[in-house]
Amino acid sequence: SFPPNTLFRLREMHEPGNWEAPGGIFPRQRLIVVTATYRKGTDTFNSGIESKLTGHTDTLQYGDRETFVKGLSNTLLASPLLTMELEFDRTMDWTDHRGAHYNLREEWQYVNGPAEKKEGCTPGTRDEHNNGWMPEDFRKKVNEYISVRREELKKQDQTLMQEEDALLTLDEVKAVRLYSGPAYQPVNNFLREVSHLHGPFKHAVARSPELTFCATVQHIISAVRKLAAVISPEEANQPLWRGVRGELPGGFWVKDKAGMVCAVESGFMSTSRDIAAPLAYMA
């Protein structure tokens, strides 16, 4: 993916089925080879800090779906050392890819209070349609949505969770609110760093009172599973888009045992149904 206003120069064009990708694959897509010129990145971009909808190839692990499942089970402990509230009651500051500064305590305070429409945030306008909403308002809204979708799926004889397990808790709502804001950055950094460790080193970092985000991660996973449980088969098959900066290695195109080309992101991966969204984040 390239940022907006990139200047392209056509070099080659190959028709579908007439060009070979790594791994001996002949994609049924036209190949257009171009060179690109665009504005030099800012110091913040060059530092490696990522935006939410665009990652770098360095953060991807080239494994199969088993790698993804094992990564979750190995990273997340059954009993987190801290509660989510305590995880955000620590002195930790960070800077996003546009140079804006944040800290854990302020983000926790924000998601526990009234939402405020804020223009000029890094990804655009924050809480544009949620001004004045309290956490309980978000929980009520999302659970109303889940209940309606469950009724629709029942008519299609779909297998559903037990009702008492299907609705989001207040902590799960807060966790999603945290991740959908600037706090995605320290949470994903934690997951990516832990994913590179093994044995007692992984356990030590995951249980570190200064570094752990295990409670927050568990709440996010639980919320995502509950929301995913009420999507329709048609929605499940819709393509999702995410930007990736950098050159993919040749091994990326080698299919796994299931015949799929698969890369594993060890953090939570933000995606969009609109291809323009990740491109906008690359600007």
C-alpha atoms as a PDB file:
ATOM      1  CA  SER A   1       0.000   0.000   0.000  1.00  0.00           C
ATOM      2  CA  PHE A   2       1.095   3.551  -0.695  1.00  0.00           C
ATOM      3  CA  PRO A   3       0.072   6.833   0.942  1.00  0.00           C
ATOM      4  CA  PRO A   4      -2.169   9.299  -0.902  1.00  0.00           C
ATOM      5  CA  ASN A   5      -0.603  11.539  -3.571  1.00  0.00           C
ATOM      6  CA  THR A   6       2.088   9.008  -4.437  1.00  0.00           C
ATOM      7  CA  LEU A   7       3.559   9.511  -7.929  1.00  0.00           C
ATOM      8  CA  PHE A   8       3.675   6.235  -9.899  1.00  0.00           C
ATOM      9  CA  ARG A   9       5.607   5.465 -13.085  1.00  0.00           C
ATOM     10  CA  LEU A  10       4.553   2.384 -15.079  1.00  0.00           C
ATOM     11  CA  ARG A  11       7.368  -0.092 -15.751  1.00  0.00           C
ATOM     12  CA  GLU A  12       5.746  -3.400 -16.768  1.00  0.00           C
ATOM     13  CA  MET A  13       2.328  -4.990 -17.177  1.00  0.00           C
ATOM     14  CA  HIS A  14       1.528  -8.725 -17.138  1.00  0.00           C
ATOM     15  CA  GLU A  15      -1.859 -10.300 -17.813  1.00  0.00           C
ATOM     16  CA  PRO A  16      -3.567 -12.675 -15.297  1.00  0.00           C
ATOM     17  CA  GLY A  17      -1.986 -16.125 -15.180  1.00  0.00           C
ATOM     18  CA  ASN A  18       1.096 -15.042 -17.138  1.00  0.00           C
ATOM     19  CA  TRP A  19       3.348 -14.122 -14.230  1.00  0.00           C
ATOM     20  CA  GLU A  20       4.783 -16.234 -11.422  1.00  0.00           C
ATOM     21  CA  ALA A  21       4.749 -15.197  -7.775  1.00  0.00           C
ATOM     22  CA  PRO A  22       7.121 -16.733  -5.196  1.00  0.00           C
ATOM     23  CA  GLY A  23       6.187 -20.329  -4.439  1.00  0.00           C
ATOM     24  CA  GLY A  24       5.257 -21.167  -8.022  1.00  0.00           C
ATOM     25  CA  ILE A  25       1.873 -19.440  -7.818  1.00  0.00           C
ATOM     26  CA  PHE A  26       0.347 -17.920 -10.954  1.00  0.00           C
ATOM     27  CA  PRO A  27      -2.216 -15.411  -9.602  1.00  0.00           C
ATOM     28  CA  ARG A  28      -5.301 -14.762 -11.688  1.00  0.00           C
ATOM     29  CA  GLN A  29      -4.733 -11.032 -11.409  1.00  0.00           C
ATOM     30  CA  ARG A  30      -3.064  -8.476 -13.622  1.00  0.00           C
ATOM     31  CA  LEU A  31       0.402  -7.492 -12.427  1.00  0.00           C
ATOM     32  CA  ILE A  32       1.361  -3.847 -12.811  1.00  0.00           C
ATOM     33  CA  VAL A  33       4.973  -3.030 -11.946  1.00  0.00           C
ATOM     34  CA  VAL A  34       5.603   0.595 -11.027  1.00  0.00           C
ATOM     35  CA  THR A  35       8.140   2.775  -9.311  1.00  0.00           C
ATOM     36  CA  ALA A  36       6.886   5.179  -6.668  1.00  0.00           C
ATOM     37  CA  THR A  37       8.014   8.554  -5.401  1.00  0.00           C
ATOM     38  CA  TYR A  38       6.507  10.239  -2.362  1.00  0.00           C
ATOM     39  CA  ARG A  39       7.290  12.759   0.316  1.00  0.00           C
ATOM     40  CA  LYS A  40      10.040  11.833   2.747  1.00  0.00           C
ATOM     41  CA  GLY A  41       8.661  10.490   6.016  1.00  0.00           C
ATOM     42  CA  THR A  42       8.670  12.554   9.200  1.00  0.00           C
ATOM     43  CA  ASP A  43      11.067  11.824  12.040  1.00  0.00           C
ATOM     44  CA  THR A  44       8.187  10.188  13.920  1.00  0.00           C
ATOM     45  CA  PHE A  45       7.406   7.888  10.994  1.00  0.00           C
ATOM     46  CA  ASN A  46      11.057   6.975  10.541  1.00  0.00           C
ATOM     47  CA  SER A  47      11.250   6.030  14.222  1.00  0.00           C
ATOM     48  CA  GLY A  48       9.101   2.963  13.530  1.00  0.00           C
ATOM     49  CA  ILE A  49       5.957   4.121  15.360  1.00  0.00           C
ATOM     50  CA  GLU A  50       2.927   2.727  13.540  1.00  0.00           C
ATOM     51  CA  SER A  51      -0.587   3.939  12.911  1.00  0.00           C
ATOM     52  CA  LYS A  52      -3.532   1.751  13.864  1.00  0.00           C
ATOM     53  CA  LEU A  53      -4.501   0.586  10.370  1.00  0.00           C
ATOM     54  CA  THR A  54      -1.002   0.236   8.937  1.00  0.00           C
ATOM     55  CA  GLY A  55       1.740  -2.007  10.253  1.00  0.00           C
ATOM     56  CA  HIS A  56       5.240  -2.856   9.125  1.00  0.00           C
ATOM     57  CA  THR A  57       6.434  -6.169   7.765  1.00  0.00           C
ATOM     58  CA  ASP A  58       8.801  -6.408  10.750  1.00  0.00           C
ATOM     59  CA  THR A  59       5.820  -6.942  13.092  1.00  0.00           C
ATOM     60  CA  LEU A  60       4.485  -9.932  11.139  1.00  0.00           C
ATOM     61  CA  GLN A  61       5.420 -13.494  11.983  1.00  0.00           C
ATOM     62  CA  TYR A  62       5.292 -15.774   8.990  1.00  0.00           C
ATOM     63  CA  GLY A  63       3.556 -18.843  10.349  1.00  0.00           C
ATOM     64  CA  ASP A  64       0.305 -20.728   9.915  1.00  0.00           C
ATOM     65  CA  ARG A  65      -2.954 -20.472  11.837  1.00  0.00           C
ATOM     66  CA  GLU A  66      -1.603 -22.799  14.536  1.00  0.00           C
ATOM     67  CA  THR A  67       1.013 -20.146  15.270  1.00  0.00           C
ATOM     68  CA  PHE A  68      -1.793 -17.660  15.896  1.00  0.00           C
ATOM     69  CA  VAL A  69      -3.682 -19.971  18.268  1.00  0.00           C
ATOM     70  CA  LYS A  70      -0.528 -20.957  20.159  1.00  0.00           C
ATOM     71  CA  GLY A  71       0.469 -17.316  20.426  1.00  0.00           C
ATOM     72  CA  LEU A  72      -2.715 -16.471  22.274  1.00  0.00           C
ATOM     73  CA  SER A  73      -2.606 -19.455  24.596  1.00  0.00           C
ATOM     74  CA  ASN A  74       1.062 -18.956  25.438  1.00  0.00           C
ATOM     75  CA  THR A  75       0.868 -15.209  25.946  1.00  0.00           C
ATOM     76  CA  LEU A  76      -2.255 -14.876  28.053  1.00  0.00           C
ATOM     77  CA  LEU A  77      -2.228 -16.207  31.568  1.00  0.00           C
ATOM     78  CA  ALA A  78      -5.262 -17.756  33.197  1.00  0.00           C
ATOM     79  CA  SER A  79      -4.995 -15.361  36.144  1.00  0.00           C
ATOM     80  CA  PRO A  80      -3.725 -11.868  35.235  1.00  0.00           C
ATOM     81  CA  LEU A  81      -1.497 -10.316  37.872  1.00  0.00           C
ATOM     82  CA  LEU A  82      -3.360  -6.986  37.833  1.00  0.00           C
ATOM     83  CA  THR A  83      -6.867  -5.828  37.056  1.00  0.00           C
ATOM     84  CA  MET A  84      -7.352  -3.681  33.963  1.00  0.00           C
ATOM     85  CA  GLU A  85      -7.817  -0.637  36.192  1.00  0.00           C
ATOM     86  CA  LEU A  86      -4.457  -1.254  37.867  1.00  0.00           C
ATOM     87  CA  GLU A  87      -2.784  -1.833  34.487  1.00  0.00           C
ATOM     88  CA  PHE A  88      -3.799   1.715  33.570  1.00  0.00           C
ATOM     89  CA  ASP A  89      -2.807   3.151  36.956  1.00  0.00           C
ATOM     90  CA  ARG A  90       0.884   3.200  36.053  1.00  0.00           C
ATOM     91  CA  THR A  91       3.281   5.841  34.836  1.00  0.00           C
ATOM     92  CA  MET A  92       3.600   5.160  31.113  1.00  0.00           C
ATOM     93  CA  ASP A  93       3.727   7.739  28.333  1.00  0.00           C
ATOM     94  CA  TRP A  94       3.878   7.254  24.581  1.00  0.00           C
ATOM     95  CA  THR A  95       3.828   9.179  21.316  1.00  0.00           C
ATOM     96  CA  ASP A  96       1.777   8.178  18.274  1.00  0.00           C
ATOM     97  CA  HIS A  97       2.922   8.255  14.638  1.00  0.00           C
ATOM     98  CA  ARG A  98       1.828  11.889  14.276  1.00  0.00           C
ATOM     99  CA  GLY A  99       3.701  13.049  17.378  1.00  0.00           C
ATOM    100  CA  ALA A 100       0.733  13.340  19.784  1.00  0.00           C
ATOM    101  CA  HIS A 101       1.470  12.442  23.435  1.00  0.00           C
ATOM    102  CA  TYR A 102      -0.634  10.228  25.726  1.00  0.00           C
ATOM    103  CA  ASN A 103      -0.432   8.450  29.085  1.00  0.00           C
ATOM    104  CA  LEU A 104      -2.240   5.517  30.693  1.00  0.00           C
ATOM    105  CA  ARG A 105      -4.005   7.355  33.517  1.00  0.00           C
ATOM    106  CA  GLU A 106      -5.532   9.974  31.231  1.00  0.00           C
ATOM    107  CA  GLU A 107      -6.817   7.311  28.824  1.00  0.00           C
ATOM    108  CA  TRP A 108      -8.396   5.368  31.703  1.00  0.00           C
ATOM    109  CA  GLN A 109     -10.003   8.514  33.064  1.00  0.00           C
ATOM    110  CA  TYR A 110     -11.412   9.322  29.630  1.00  0.00           C
ATOM    111  CA  VAL A 111     -13.102   5.950  28.985  1.00  0.00           C
ATOM    112  CA  ASN A 112     -14.641   6.018  32.480  1.00  0.00           C
ATOM    113  CA  GLY A 113     -16.174   9.448  31.986  1.00  0.00           C
ATOM    114  CA  PRO A 114     -18.375  11.090  29.363  1.00  0.00           C
ATOM    115  CA  ALA A 115     -17.240  10.730  25.760  1.00  0.00           C
ATOM    116  CA  GLU A 116     -16.289  14.020  24.174  1.00  0.00           C
ATOM    117  CA  LYS A 117     -16.290  14.885  20.490  1.00  0.00           C
ATOM    118  CA  LYS A 118     -12.684  15.818  19.730  1.00  0.00           C
ATOM    119  CA  GLU A 119     -11.670  17.133  16.337  1.00  0.00           C
ATOM    120  CA  GLY A 120      -8.110  17.112  15.079  1.00  0.00           C
ATOM    121  CA  CYS A 121      -7.126  13.761  16.611  1.00  0.00           C
ATOM    122  CA  THR A 122      -4.553  11.667  14.762  1.00  0.00           C
ATOM    123  CA  PRO A 123      -7.115   9.455  12.949  1.00  0.00           C
ATOM    124  CA  GLY A 124      -9.676  12.263  12.613  1.00  0.00           C
ATOM    125  CA  THR A 125     -12.535  13.105  14.990  1.00  0.00           C
ATOM    126  CA  ARG A 126     -12.779  11.031  18.157  1.00  0.00           C
ATOM    127  CA  ASP A 127     -16.254  10.079  19.420  1.00  0.00           C
ATOM    128  CA  GLU A 128     -17.839  12.131  16.661  1.00  0.00           C
ATOM    129  CA  HIS A 129     -21.293  10.626  17.220  1.00  0.00           C
ATOM    130  CA  ASN A 130     -20.912   9.698  20.904  1.00  0.00           C
ATOM    131  CA  ASN A 131     -20.664  13.062  22.626  1.00  0.00           C
ATOM    132  CA  GLY A 132     -21.765  12.807  26.267  1.00  0.00           C
ATOM    133  CA  TRP A 133     -22.063   9.015  26.314  1.00  0.00           C
ATOM    134  CA  MET A 134     -21.063   7.240  29.524  1.00  0.00           C
ATOM    135  CA  PRO A 135     -19.615   3.697  29.637  1.00  0.00           C
ATOM    136  CA  GLU A 136     -23.022   2.254  30.530  1.00  0.00           C
ATOM    137  CA  ASP A 137     -24.519   3.944  27.446  1.00  0.00           C
ATOM    138  CA  PHE A 138     -21.988   2.183  25.230  1.00  0.00           C
ATOM    139  CA  ARG A 139     -22.688  -1.148  26.953  1.00  0.00           C
ATOM    140  CA  LYS A 140     -26.446  -0.739  26.505  1.00  0.00           C
ATOM    141  CA  LYS A 141     -26.058   0.166  22.828  1.00  0.00           C
ATOM    142  CA  VAL A 142     -23.754  -2.713  21.909  1.00  0.00           C
ATOM    143  CA  ASN A 143     -25.809  -5.274  23.831  1.00  0.00           C
ATOM    144  CA  GLU A 144     -28.981  -4.094  22.117  1.00  0.00           C
ATOM    145  CA  TYR A 145     -27.184  -4.691  18.824  1.00  0.00           C
ATOM    146  CA  ILE A 146     -26.085  -8.174  19.921  1.00  0.00           C
ATOM    147  CA  SER A 147     -29.609  -9.074  21.059  1.00  0.00           C
ATOM    148  CA  VAL A 148     -31.128  -8.004  17.732  1.00  0.00           C
ATOM    149  CA  ARG A 149     -28.529  -9.955  15.766  1.00  0.00           C
ATOM    150  CA  ARG A 150     -29.068 -13.042  17.912  1.00  0.00           C
ATOM    151  CA  GLU A 151     -32.778 -12.990  17.101  1.00  0.00           C
ATOM    152  CA  GLU A 152     -31.973 -12.753  13.396  1.00  0.00           C
ATOM    153  CA  LEU A 153     -29.535 -15.669  13.595  1.00  0.00           C
ATOM    154  CA  LYS A 154     -32.006 -17.799  15.557  1.00  0.00           C
ATOM    155  CA  LYS A 155     -34.366 -17.610  12.588  1.00  0.00           C
ATOM    156  CA  GLN A 156     -31.553 -19.066  10.463  1.00  0.00           C
ATOM    157  CA  ASP A 157     -30.990 -21.938  12.937  1.00  0.00           C
ATOM    158  CA  GLN A 158     -27.473 -20.700  13.711  1.00  0.00           C
ATOM    159  CA  THR A 159     -25.663 -22.056  16.783  1.00  0.00           C
ATOM    160  CA  LEU A 160     -25.413 -19.329  19.434  1.00  0.00           C
ATOM    161  CA  MET A 161     -23.763 -18.763  22.813  1.00  0.00           C
ATOM    162  CA  GLN A 162     -25.840 -18.980  25.950  1.00  0.00           C
ATOM    163  CA  GLU A 163     -27.515 -15.609  26.445  1.00  0.00           C
ATOM    164  CA  GLU A 164     -25.764 -14.946  29.767  1.00  0.00           C
ATOM    165  CA  ASP A 165     -22.395 -15.354  27.993  1.00  0.00           C
ATOM    166  CA  ALA A 166     -23.282 -13.384  24.855  1.00  0.00           C
ATOM    167  CA  LEU A 167     -23.522  -9.821  26.167  1.00  0.00           C
ATOM    168  CA  LEU A 168     -20.562  -7.536  26.837  1.00  0.00           C
ATOM    169  CA  THR A 169     -19.603  -6.678  30.394  1.00  0.00           C
ATOM    170  CA  LEU A 170     -18.727  -3.132  31.403  1.00  0.00           C
ATOM    171  CA  ASP A 171     -15.020  -4.034  31.602  1.00  0.00           C
ATOM    172  CA  GLU A 172     -15.146  -5.462  28.083  1.00  0.00           C
ATOM    173  CA  VAL A 173     -16.743  -2.258  26.814  1.00  0.00           C
ATOM    174  CA  LYS A 174     -14.051  -0.163  28.507  1.00  0.00           C
ATOM    175  CA  ALA A 175     -11.317  -2.388  27.069  1.00  0.00           C
ATOM    176  CA  VAL A 176     -12.668  -1.937  23.544  1.00  0.00           C
ATOM    177  CA  ARG A 177     -12.953   1.814  24.136  1.00  0.00           C
ATOM    178  CA  LEU A 178      -9.326   1.864  25.272  1.00  0.00           C
ATOM    179  CA  TYR A 179      -8.109  -0.121  22.282  1.00  0.00           C
ATOM    180  CA  SER A 180     -10.153   1.907  19.792  1.00  0.00           C
ATOM    181  CA  GLY A 181      -8.407   5.000  21.161  1.00  0.00           C
ATOM    182  CA  PRO A 182      -4.691   5.784  21.513  1.00  0.00           C
ATOM    183  CA  ALA A 183      -4.119   2.987  24.067  1.00  0.00           C
ATOM    184  CA  TYR A 184      -3.958   0.402  21.278  1.00  0.00           C
ATOM    185  CA  GLN A 185      -0.274   1.309  20.991  1.00  0.00           C
ATOM    186  CA  PRO A 186       1.062   0.145  24.401  1.00  0.00           C
ATOM    187  CA  VAL A 187      -1.266  -2.893  24.357  1.00  0.00           C
ATOM    188  CA  ASN A 188       0.001  -4.037  20.959  1.00  0.00           C
ATOM    189  CA  ASN A 189       3.604  -3.271  21.895  1.00  0.00           C
ATOM    190  CA  PHE A 190       3.213  -5.560  24.914  1.00  0.00           C
ATOM    191  CA  LEU A 191       1.781  -8.399  22.813  1.00  0.00           C
ATOM    192  CA  ARG A 192       4.451  -8.112  20.137  1.00  0.00           C
ATOM    193  CA  GLU A 193       7.314  -8.048  22.612  1.00  0.00           C
ATOM    194  CA  VAL A 194       5.972 -11.029  24.560  1.00  0.00           C
ATOM    195  CA  SER A 195       5.481 -13.005  21.333  1.00  0.00           C
ATOM    196  CA  HIS A 196       9.253 -13.039  20.761  1.00  0.00           C
ATOM    197  CA  LEU A 197       9.971 -14.587  24.165  1.00  0.00           C
ATOM    198  CA  HIS A 198       9.859 -18.191  25.333  1.00  0.00           C
ATOM    199  CA  GLY A 199       9.627 -20.151  28.554  1.00  0.00           C
ATOM    200  CA  PRO A 200      10.409 -18.324  31.807  1.00  0.00           C
ATOM    201  CA  PHE A 201      11.251 -15.084  29.969  1.00  0.00           C
ATOM    202  CA  LYS A 202       7.766 -14.926  28.433  1.00  0.00           C
ATOM    203  CA  HIS A 203       6.209 -15.717  31.806  1.00  0.00           C
ATOM    204  CA  ALA A 204       8.302 -13.074  33.585  1.00  0.00           C
ATOM    205  CA  VAL A 205       7.352 -10.272  31.189  1.00  0.00           C
ATOM    206  CA  ALA A 206       3.678 -11.272  31.032  1.00  0.00           C
ATOM    207  CA  ARG A 207       3.563 -11.243  34.851  1.00  0.00           C
ATOM    208  CA  SER A 208       5.603  -8.072  35.278  1.00  0.00           C
ATOM    209  CA  PRO A 209       3.608  -5.446  37.244  1.00  0.00           C
ATOM    210  CA  GLU A 210       5.377  -2.725  35.250  1.00  0.00           C
ATOM    211  CA  LEU A 211       4.715  -4.207  31.798  1.00  0.00           C
ATOM    212  CA  THR A 212       1.707  -6.534  31.792  1.00  0.00           C
ATOM    213  CA  PHE A 213      -1.541  -5.818  29.948  1.00  0.00           C
ATOM    214  CA  CYS A 214      -2.918  -9.353  30.298  1.00  0.00           C
ATOM    215  CA  ALA A 215      -6.205  -8.277  31.919  1.00  0.00           C
ATOM    216  CA  THR A 216      -6.878  -5.684  29.224  1.00  0.00           C
ATOM    217  CA  VAL A 217      -6.009  -8.181  26.488  1.00  0.00           C
ATOM    218  CA  GLN A 218      -8.365 -10.796  27.921  1.00  0.00           C
ATOM    219  CA  HIS A 219     -11.248  -8.317  28.034  1.00  0.00           C
ATOM    220  CA  ILE A 220     -10.620  -7.274  24.416  1.00  0.00           C
ATOM    221  CA  ILE A 221     -10.485 -10.887  23.224  1.00  0.00           C
ATOM    222  CA  SER A 222     -13.701 -11.724  25.045  1.00  0.00           C
ATOM    223  CA  ALA A 223     -15.457  -8.703  23.528  1.00  0.00           C
ATOM    224  CA  VAL A 224     -14.264  -9.517  20.014  1.00  0.00           C
ATOM    225  CA  ARG A 225     -15.440 -13.125  20.326  1.00  0.00           C
ATOM    226  CA  LYS A 226     -18.888 -12.028  21.473  1.00  0.00           C
ATOM    227  CA  LEU A 227     -19.211  -9.563  18.605  1.00  0.00           C
ATOM    228  CA  ALA A 228     -17.886 -12.089  16.089  1.00  0.00           C
ATOM    229  CA  ALA A 229     -20.461 -14.613  17.288  1.00  0.00           C
ATOM    230  CA  VAL A 230     -23.321 -12.530  15.864  1.00  0.00           C
ATOM    231  CA  ILE A 231     -21.976 -11.730  12.409  1.00  0.00           C
ATOM    232  CA  SER A 232     -23.744 -13.283   9.449  1.00  0.00           C
ATOM    233  CA  PRO A 233     -22.040 -15.770   7.093  1.00  0.00           C
ATOM    234  CA  GLU A 234     -22.081 -13.064   4.412  1.00  0.00           C
ATOM    235  CA  GLU A 235     -20.284 -10.608   6.700  1.00  0.00           C
ATOM    236  CA  ALA A 236     -17.755 -13.259   7.691  1.00  0.00           C
ATOM    237  CA  ASN A 237     -16.738 -13.650   4.043  1.00  0.00           C
ATOM    238  CA  GLN A 238     -16.343  -9.949   3.288  1.00  0.00           C
ATOM    239  CA  PRO A 239     -12.736  -8.852   2.618  1.00  0.00           C
ATOM    240  CA  LEU A 240     -11.048  -6.677   5.225  1.00  0.00           C
ATOM    241  CA  TRP A 241      -8.214  -4.273   4.476  1.00  0.00           C
ATOM    242  CA  ARG A 242      -5.057  -3.283   6.340  1.00  0.00           C
ATOM    243  CA  GLY A 243      -1.973  -1.436   5.174  1.00  0.00           C
ATOM    244  CA  VAL A 244       1.524  -2.907   5.477  1.00  0.00           C
ATOM    245  CA  ARG A 245       4.695  -0.894   4.982  1.00  0.00           C
ATOM    246  CA  GLY A 246       7.853  -2.561   3.765  1.00  0.00           C
ATOM    247  CA  GLU A 247       8.738  -5.391   1.391  1.00  0.00           C
ATOM    248  CA  LEU A 248       7.144  -8.788   1.987  1.00  0.00           C
ATOM    249  CA  PRO A 249       9.680 -11.650   1.864  1.00  0.00           C
ATOM    250  CA  GLY A 250       9.370 -14.280  -0.843  1.00  0.00           C
ATOM    251  CA  GLY A 251       8.296 -16.867   1.720  1.00  0.00           C
ATOM    252  CA  PHE A 252       5.121 -14.907   2.401  1.00  0.00           C
ATOM    253  CA  TRP A 253       3.546 -16.318  -0.760  1.00  0.00           C
ATOM    254  CA  VAL A 254       4.142 -19.980   0.146  1.00  0.00           C
ATOM    255  CA  LYS A 255       0.825 -21.646   0.984  1.00  0.00           C
ATOM    256  CA  ASP A 256       0.324 -23.487   4.275  1.00  0.00           C
ATOM    257  CA  LYS A 257      -1.096 -26.997   4.730  1.00  0.00           C
ATOM    258  CA  ALA A 258      -4.610 -25.646   4.251  1.00  0.00           C
ATOM    259  CA  GLY A 259      -3.628 -24.048   0.940  1.00  0.00           C
ATOM    260  CA  MET A 260      -3.707 -20.529   2.355  1.00  0.00           C
ATOM    261  CA  VAL A 261      -1.176 -17.706   2.325  1.00  0.00           C
ATOM    262  CA  CYS A 262      -1.005 -16.681   5.978  1.00  0.00           C
ATOM    263  CA  ALA A 263       0.880 -14.168   8.104  1.00  0.00           C
ATOM    264  CA  VAL A 264       0.358 -13.782  11.851  1.00  0.00           C
ATOM    265  CA  GLU A 265       0.142 -10.397  13.578  1.00  0.00           C
ATOM    266  CA  SER A 266       0.964 -10.915  17.250  1.00  0.00           C
ATOM    267  CA  GLY A 267      -0.873  -7.730  18.258  1.00  0.00           C
ATOM    268  CA  PHE A 268      -4.525  -6.892  17.687  1.00  0.00           C
ATOM    269  CA  MET A 269      -4.967  -6.116  13.989  1.00  0.00           C
ATOM    270  CA  SER A 270      -7.203  -3.190  13.086  1.00  0.00           C
ATOM    271  CA  THR A 271      -8.870  -3.592   9.698  1.00  0.00           C
ATOM    272  CA  SER A 272     -11.527  -1.861   7.612  1.00  0.00           C
ATOM    273  CA  ARG A 273     -14.084  -2.889   5.003  1.00  0.00           C
ATOM    274  CA  ASP A 274     -13.134   0.307   3.155  1.00  0.00           C
ATOM    275  CA  ILE A 275      -9.797   0.074   1.341  1.00  0.00           C
ATOM    276  CA  ALA A 276      -9.465   3.864   1.542  1.00  0.00           C
ATOM    277  CA  ALA A 277      -9.257   3.779   5.358  1.00  0.00           C
ATOM    278  CA  PRO A 278      -5.792   2.184   5.738  1.00  0.00           C
ATOM    279  CA  LEU A 279      -4.508   4.311   2.861  1.00  0.00           C
ATOM    280  CA  ALA A 280      -5.647   7.423   4.718  1.00  0.00           C
ATOM    281  CA  TYR A 281      -3.757   6.279   7.831  1.00  0.00           C
ATOM    282  CA  MET A 282      -0.553   6.060   5.787  1.00  0.00           C
ATOM    283  CA  ALA A 283      -0.630   9.766   4.957  1.00  0.00           C
END
